[in-house]
Protein backbone atom coordinates (compact mmCIF):
# COMPACT_ATOMS: atom_id res chain seq x y z
CA MET A 1 2.45 -54.05 -4.08
CA GLN A 2 5.23 -53.06 -6.28
CA ILE A 3 5.01 -53.45 -10.05
CA GLU A 4 7.36 -52.81 -12.88
CA ILE A 5 5.92 -50.97 -15.85
CA TYR A 6 7.39 -51.26 -19.40
CA CYS A 7 6.43 -49.71 -22.80
CA ALA A 8 6.73 -51.36 -26.05
CA SER A 9 4.84 -48.92 -28.05
CA GLU A 10 2.42 -46.18 -27.77
CA SER A 11 -0.48 -48.64 -27.54
CA GLU A 12 1.28 -51.53 -25.80
CA TYR A 13 2.47 -51.57 -22.29
CA TYR A 14 3.42 -54.43 -19.90
CA ILE A 15 3.48 -54.75 -16.06
CA ARG A 16 5.04 -57.49 -13.98
CA LEU A 17 6.06 -58.26 -10.41
CA PRO A 18 9.67 -57.39 -9.72
CA GLY A 19 11.83 -60.52 -10.81
CA ALA A 20 9.02 -62.37 -12.41
CA SER A 21 9.54 -63.76 -15.90
CA GLY A 22 5.93 -63.34 -17.36
CA ALA A 23 3.96 -60.02 -17.55
CA LEU A 24 0.52 -58.80 -18.26
CA ARG A 25 0.17 -56.90 -21.59
CA TRP A 26 -2.17 -53.80 -21.78
CA LEU A 27 -3.10 -53.13 -25.46
CA ARG A 28 -5.17 -50.14 -26.63
CA GLU A 29 -8.08 -51.12 -28.80
CA GLY A 30 -9.83 -48.04 -29.90
CA ASP A 31 -10.81 -46.22 -26.77
CA ARG A 32 -10.31 -48.98 -24.39
CA TRP A 33 -7.76 -51.31 -22.83
CA SER A 34 -7.48 -55.01 -23.13
CA THR A 35 -5.18 -57.21 -21.10
CA GLY A 36 -3.69 -60.65 -21.16
CA ARG A 37 -0.64 -62.71 -20.19
CA ALA A 38 2.40 -62.33 -22.25
CA GLU A 39 6.14 -62.40 -22.23
CA LEU A 40 8.03 -59.10 -21.88
CA PRO A 41 9.52 -58.04 -25.21
CA ASP A 42 13.20 -57.50 -25.14
CA ALA A 43 12.71 -53.89 -26.72
CA ALA A 44 10.42 -52.88 -23.91
CA GLN A 45 11.53 -49.87 -21.95
CA PRO A 46 10.92 -49.20 -18.28
CA MET A 47 8.77 -46.30 -17.36
CA ALA A 48 7.07 -44.54 -14.31
CA LEU A 49 3.30 -44.84 -13.65
CA SER A 50 3.09 -41.05 -14.35
CA GLU A 51 4.31 -41.50 -17.94
CA LEU A 52 1.31 -43.70 -18.91
CA PRO A 53 -1.88 -42.41 -20.65
CA ARG A 54 -4.24 -41.24 -17.99
CA THR A 55 -6.74 -43.98 -18.82
CA LEU A 56 -4.11 -46.74 -18.50
CA GLN A 57 -3.02 -45.26 -15.14
CA GLU A 58 -6.56 -45.68 -13.88
CA GLU A 59 -6.88 -49.39 -15.27
CA LEU A 60 -3.52 -50.15 -13.51
CA LEU A 61 -4.39 -48.65 -10.16
CA ALA A 62 -7.67 -50.55 -10.34
CA PHE A 63 -5.95 -53.83 -11.17
CA VAL A 64 -3.46 -53.24 -8.29
CA ALA A 65 -6.17 -52.60 -5.85
CA ARG A 66 -8.20 -55.81 -6.91
CA THR A 67 -5.00 -57.80 -6.61
CA GLU A 68 -4.30 -56.62 -3.18
CA ALA A 69 -7.81 -57.41 -2.12
CA MET A 70 -8.24 -60.78 -3.94
CA GLY A 71 -4.48 -62.05 -3.77
CA ASN A 72 -2.07 -62.69 -6.40
CA GLN A 73 -4.38 -65.22 -8.38
CA LEU A 74 -5.19 -62.28 -10.68
CA TRP A 75 -1.72 -62.47 -11.99
CA SER A 76 -2.31 -66.08 -13.16
CA GLU A 77 -5.78 -65.51 -14.56
CA GLN A 78 -7.02 -63.87 -17.78
CA ASN A 79 -8.39 -60.37 -16.59
């Protein structure tokens, strides 16, 4: 599965499927990450998985693995 990754700030990241209008926002809250559906901000900049904080890399890889196993309904549900 291919995803696009964007950074809006040091604690706010977005992922989306290529060409999709909506995105999932990953927000750092203390020492953990929360996620929810959101619109991609115009100021968000594309970035590579390797540029993300290590803990967020793990979260995204787990999310992608779950999505591939369960299907794309995870993109439309609150995670």
